[in-house]
N, C-alpha and C. Protein backbone atom coordinates (compact mmCIF):
# COMPACT_ATOMS: atom_id res chain seq x y z
N MET A 1 -17.42 29.12 -72.98
CA MET A 1 -17.43 30.37 -72.13
C MET A 1 -16.05 30.65 -71.68
N ASN A 2 -15.63 31.98 -71.79
CA ASN A 2 -14.30 32.45 -71.47
C ASN A 2 -14.40 33.13 -70.20
N VAL A 3 -13.60 32.63 -69.24
CA VAL A 3 -13.64 33.28 -67.86
C VAL A 3 -12.28 33.88 -67.65
N THR A 4 -12.36 35.22 -67.23
CA THR A 4 -11.14 35.86 -66.97
C THR A 4 -10.47 35.60 -65.64
N GLU A 5 -9.31 35.85 -65.42
CA GLU A 5 -8.69 35.43 -64.21
C GLU A 5 -9.36 36.21 -63.03
N ALA A 6 -9.68 37.42 -63.22
CA ALA A 6 -10.47 38.16 -62.04
C ALA A 6 -11.85 37.47 -61.71
N GLU A 7 -12.48 36.95 -62.73
CA GLU A 7 -13.80 36.38 -62.42
C GLU A 7 -13.55 35.10 -61.75
N LEU A 8 -12.57 34.32 -62.09
CA LEU A 8 -12.13 33.17 -61.49
C LEU A 8 -11.84 33.29 -60.03
N LYS A 9 -11.04 34.31 -59.68
CA LYS A 9 -10.64 34.58 -58.43
C LYS A 9 -11.74 35.06 -57.54
N GLN A 10 -12.72 35.72 -58.21
CA GLN A 10 -13.92 36.25 -57.43
C GLN A 10 -14.82 35.05 -57.06
N ARG A 11 -14.97 34.07 -58.03
CA ARG A 11 -15.83 32.88 -57.77
C ARG A 11 -15.05 32.05 -56.75
N THR A 12 -13.78 31.95 -56.74
CA THR A 12 -13.04 31.10 -55.73
C THR A 12 -13.18 31.74 -54.36
N ARG A 13 -13.08 33.09 -54.21
CA ARG A 13 -13.19 33.82 -52.95
C ARG A 13 -14.61 33.51 -52.40
N ARG A 14 -15.59 33.70 -53.34
CA ARG A 14 -16.93 33.47 -52.91
C ARG A 14 -17.21 32.04 -52.39
N ARG A 15 -16.73 31.08 -53.12
CA ARG A 15 -16.97 29.67 -52.77
C ARG A 15 -16.16 29.40 -51.38
N PHE A 16 -15.02 29.94 -51.22
CA PHE A 16 -14.28 29.86 -49.88
C PHE A 16 -15.07 30.42 -48.79
N PHE A 17 -15.59 31.60 -49.02
CA PHE A 17 -16.40 32.29 -48.00
C PHE A 17 -17.65 31.51 -47.54
N PHE A 18 -18.31 31.03 -48.61
CA PHE A 18 -19.58 30.17 -48.25
C PHE A 18 -19.17 28.92 -47.61
N THR A 19 -17.98 28.20 -48.02
CA THR A 19 -17.60 27.01 -47.38
C THR A 19 -17.25 27.25 -45.95
N GLY A 20 -16.53 28.30 -45.71
CA GLY A 20 -16.10 28.59 -44.34
C GLY A 20 -17.23 28.88 -43.46
N LEU A 21 -18.31 29.54 -43.96
CA LEU A 21 -19.45 29.85 -43.15
C LEU A 21 -20.16 28.51 -42.92
N HIS A 22 -20.33 27.67 -43.91
CA HIS A 22 -20.94 26.39 -43.78
C HIS A 22 -20.22 25.57 -42.76
N LEU A 23 -18.97 25.55 -42.84
CA LEU A 23 -18.21 24.68 -41.75
C LEU A 23 -18.38 25.27 -40.42
N CYS A 24 -18.27 26.60 -40.22
CA CYS A 24 -18.60 27.13 -38.86
C CYS A 24 -19.97 26.71 -38.31
N LEU A 25 -20.93 26.89 -39.22
CA LEU A 25 -22.34 26.43 -38.75
C LEU A 25 -22.41 24.88 -38.54
N TYR A 26 -21.70 24.14 -39.29
CA TYR A 26 -21.74 22.76 -39.17
C TYR A 26 -21.05 22.24 -37.77
N PHE A 27 -20.05 22.93 -37.49
CA PHE A 27 -19.31 22.50 -36.29
C PHE A 27 -19.90 23.21 -35.05
N SER A 28 -20.79 24.19 -35.27
CA SER A 28 -21.55 24.75 -34.11
C SER A 28 -22.47 23.70 -33.43
N PHE A 29 -22.68 22.56 -34.21
CA PHE A 29 -23.65 21.58 -33.61
C PHE A 29 -22.84 20.80 -32.53
N SER A 30 -21.60 20.97 -32.44
CA SER A 30 -20.86 20.30 -31.35
C SER A 30 -20.97 20.91 -30.14
N LEU A 31 -21.69 22.04 -30.09
CA LEU A 31 -22.10 22.66 -28.83
C LEU A 31 -22.89 21.77 -27.90
N ASN A 32 -23.67 20.76 -28.58
CA ASN A 32 -24.52 19.80 -27.82
C ASN A 32 -23.73 19.02 -26.90
N TRP A 33 -22.39 18.89 -27.10
CA TRP A 33 -21.55 17.99 -26.23
C TRP A 33 -20.62 18.79 -25.39
N THR A 34 -20.94 19.99 -25.23
CA THR A 34 -20.03 20.90 -24.38
C THR A 34 -20.78 21.45 -23.17
N VAL A 35 -20.12 22.04 -22.39
CA VAL A 35 -20.68 22.76 -21.14
C VAL A 35 -21.45 23.95 -21.64
N TRP A 36 -20.95 24.70 -22.64
CA TRP A 36 -21.63 25.82 -23.06
C TRP A 36 -23.00 25.54 -23.78
N GLY A 37 -23.15 24.28 -24.25
CA GLY A 37 -24.38 23.94 -24.87
C GLY A 37 -25.28 23.20 -23.93
N ASN A 38 -25.24 23.24 -22.70
CA ASN A 38 -26.02 22.52 -21.86
C ASN A 38 -27.54 22.89 -21.91
N PHE A 39 -27.74 24.24 -22.18
CA PHE A 39 -29.07 24.75 -22.39
C PHE A 39 -29.90 24.00 -23.60
N LEU A 40 -29.07 23.49 -24.51
CA LEU A 40 -29.79 22.89 -25.67
C LEU A 40 -30.40 21.58 -25.29
N ALA A 41 -30.12 20.96 -24.30
CA ALA A 41 -30.74 19.68 -23.69
C ALA A 41 -32.03 19.91 -23.21
N ASP A 42 -32.36 21.08 -22.86
CA ASP A 42 -33.77 21.47 -22.29
C ASP A 42 -34.75 21.40 -23.26
N ARG A 43 -35.98 20.95 -22.75
CA ARG A 43 -37.31 21.02 -23.66
C ARG A 43 -37.65 22.51 -23.72
N LEU A 44 -38.38 22.65 -24.87
CA LEU A 44 -38.86 24.00 -25.17
C LEU A 44 -40.30 24.09 -24.72
N GLY A 45 -40.49 24.77 -23.67
CA GLY A 45 -41.89 24.79 -22.99
C GLY A 45 -42.34 23.43 -22.55
N ALA A 46 -43.70 23.11 -22.87
CA ALA A 46 -44.25 21.90 -22.50
C ALA A 46 -44.10 20.81 -23.67
N SER A 47 -43.41 21.24 -24.71
CA SER A 47 -43.33 20.34 -25.95
C SER A 47 -42.21 19.25 -25.62
N HIS A 48 -42.10 18.33 -26.55
CA HIS A 48 -41.05 17.32 -26.48
C HIS A 48 -39.89 17.76 -27.29
N ILE A 49 -39.96 18.84 -27.90
CA ILE A 49 -38.74 19.39 -28.66
C ILE A 49 -37.76 19.97 -27.78
N THR A 50 -36.52 19.58 -28.08
CA THR A 50 -35.35 20.06 -27.27
C THR A 50 -34.65 21.16 -28.13
N GLY A 51 -33.82 21.85 -27.49
CA GLY A 51 -33.11 22.91 -28.21
C GLY A 51 -32.08 22.25 -29.22
N SER A 52 -31.57 21.05 -28.97
CA SER A 52 -30.74 20.40 -29.99
C SER A 52 -31.49 20.04 -31.11
N LEU A 53 -32.71 19.46 -31.07
CA LEU A 53 -33.51 19.17 -32.34
C LEU A 53 -33.78 20.40 -33.00
N LEU A 54 -34.28 21.48 -32.41
CA LEU A 54 -34.47 22.71 -33.09
C LEU A 54 -33.30 23.29 -33.78
N MET A 55 -31.99 23.12 -33.18
CA MET A 55 -30.88 23.66 -33.66
C MET A 55 -30.56 22.83 -35.07
N PHE A 56 -30.73 21.55 -34.84
CA PHE A 56 -30.47 20.69 -36.02
C PHE A 56 -31.38 20.94 -37.25
N ILE A 57 -32.61 21.13 -36.93
CA ILE A 57 -33.50 21.57 -38.01
C ILE A 57 -33.17 22.85 -38.75
N SER A 58 -32.89 23.81 -37.74
CA SER A 58 -32.52 25.17 -38.21
C SER A 58 -31.26 25.16 -39.07
N LEU A 59 -30.27 24.37 -38.58
CA LEU A 59 -29.15 24.32 -39.50
C LEU A 59 -29.36 23.72 -40.81
N ILE A 60 -30.07 22.74 -40.87
CA ILE A 60 -30.42 22.19 -42.27
C ILE A 60 -31.11 23.25 -43.14
N LEU A 61 -32.02 23.91 -42.63
CA LEU A 61 -32.72 24.92 -43.42
C LEU A 61 -31.80 26.07 -43.84
N ILE A 62 -30.89 26.43 -42.84
CA ILE A 62 -29.84 27.41 -43.11
C ILE A 62 -28.91 27.07 -44.20
N PHE A 63 -28.50 25.65 -44.22
CA PHE A 63 -27.58 25.19 -45.24
C PHE A 63 -28.22 25.27 -46.56
N ILE A 64 -29.58 24.79 -46.65
CA ILE A 64 -30.25 24.88 -47.93
C ILE A 64 -30.32 26.32 -48.44
N ALA A 65 -30.70 27.25 -47.54
CA ALA A 65 -30.81 28.68 -47.96
C ALA A 65 -29.37 29.37 -48.46
N LEU A 66 -28.38 28.89 -47.69
CA LEU A 66 -27.05 29.29 -48.18
C LEU A 66 -26.69 28.79 -49.55
N GLU A 67 -26.90 27.46 -49.80
CA GLU A 67 -26.60 27.01 -51.11
C GLU A 67 -27.45 27.60 -52.20
N SER A 68 -28.70 27.94 -51.89
CA SER A 68 -29.58 28.67 -52.89
C SER A 68 -29.01 30.00 -53.09
N VAL A 69 -28.65 30.71 -52.12
CA VAL A 69 -28.03 32.15 -52.28
C VAL A 69 -26.74 32.02 -53.14
N PHE A 70 -25.89 31.00 -52.89
CA PHE A 70 -24.64 30.86 -53.60
C PHE A 70 -24.92 30.48 -55.04
N LEU A 71 -25.91 29.67 -55.35
CA LEU A 71 -26.27 29.29 -56.76
C LEU A 71 -26.84 30.52 -57.38
N TRP A 72 -27.74 31.33 -56.69
CA TRP A 72 -28.29 32.51 -57.33
C TRP A 72 -27.25 33.55 -57.67
N LEU A 73 -26.18 33.74 -56.78
CA LEU A 73 -25.07 34.64 -57.02
C LEU A 73 -24.27 34.20 -58.12
N SER A 74 -24.07 32.82 -58.33
CA SER A 74 -23.33 32.30 -59.36
C SER A 74 -23.99 32.51 -60.68
N ARG A 75 -25.32 32.27 -60.71
CA ARG A 75 -26.00 32.60 -62.01
C ARG A 75 -25.99 34.10 -62.29
N GLN A 76 -26.07 34.97 -61.37
CA GLN A 76 -26.03 36.43 -61.63
C GLN A 76 -24.70 36.76 -62.19
N GLY A 77 -23.65 36.14 -61.64
CA GLY A 77 -22.23 36.40 -62.27
C GLY A 77 -22.12 35.89 -63.63
N GLU A 78 -22.72 34.88 -63.95
CA GLU A 78 -22.55 34.34 -65.30
C GLU A 78 -23.33 35.18 -66.34
N ARG A 79 -24.38 35.75 -65.93
CA ARG A 79 -25.15 36.59 -66.79
C ARG A 79 -24.31 37.83 -67.15
N SER A 80 -23.66 38.47 -66.20
CA SER A 80 -23.03 39.74 -66.43
C SER A 80 -21.73 39.53 -67.20
């Protein structure tokens, strides 16, 4: 497969964007140990689920979705 310089730059920019977004979301979990994230320690209603647990589960699902989107976009780019 022959990849042009423009395609390589586009793929690299896309990967850096997705990696930056991934890192920002990853480090957002550190809110659990700051004053700004005090609300995450509270239980949600009458359940035993805390905001931290919900955030952790949500982040995992978001990471999986982001990788799926990235892979889908990469496959679309290879076809064209």
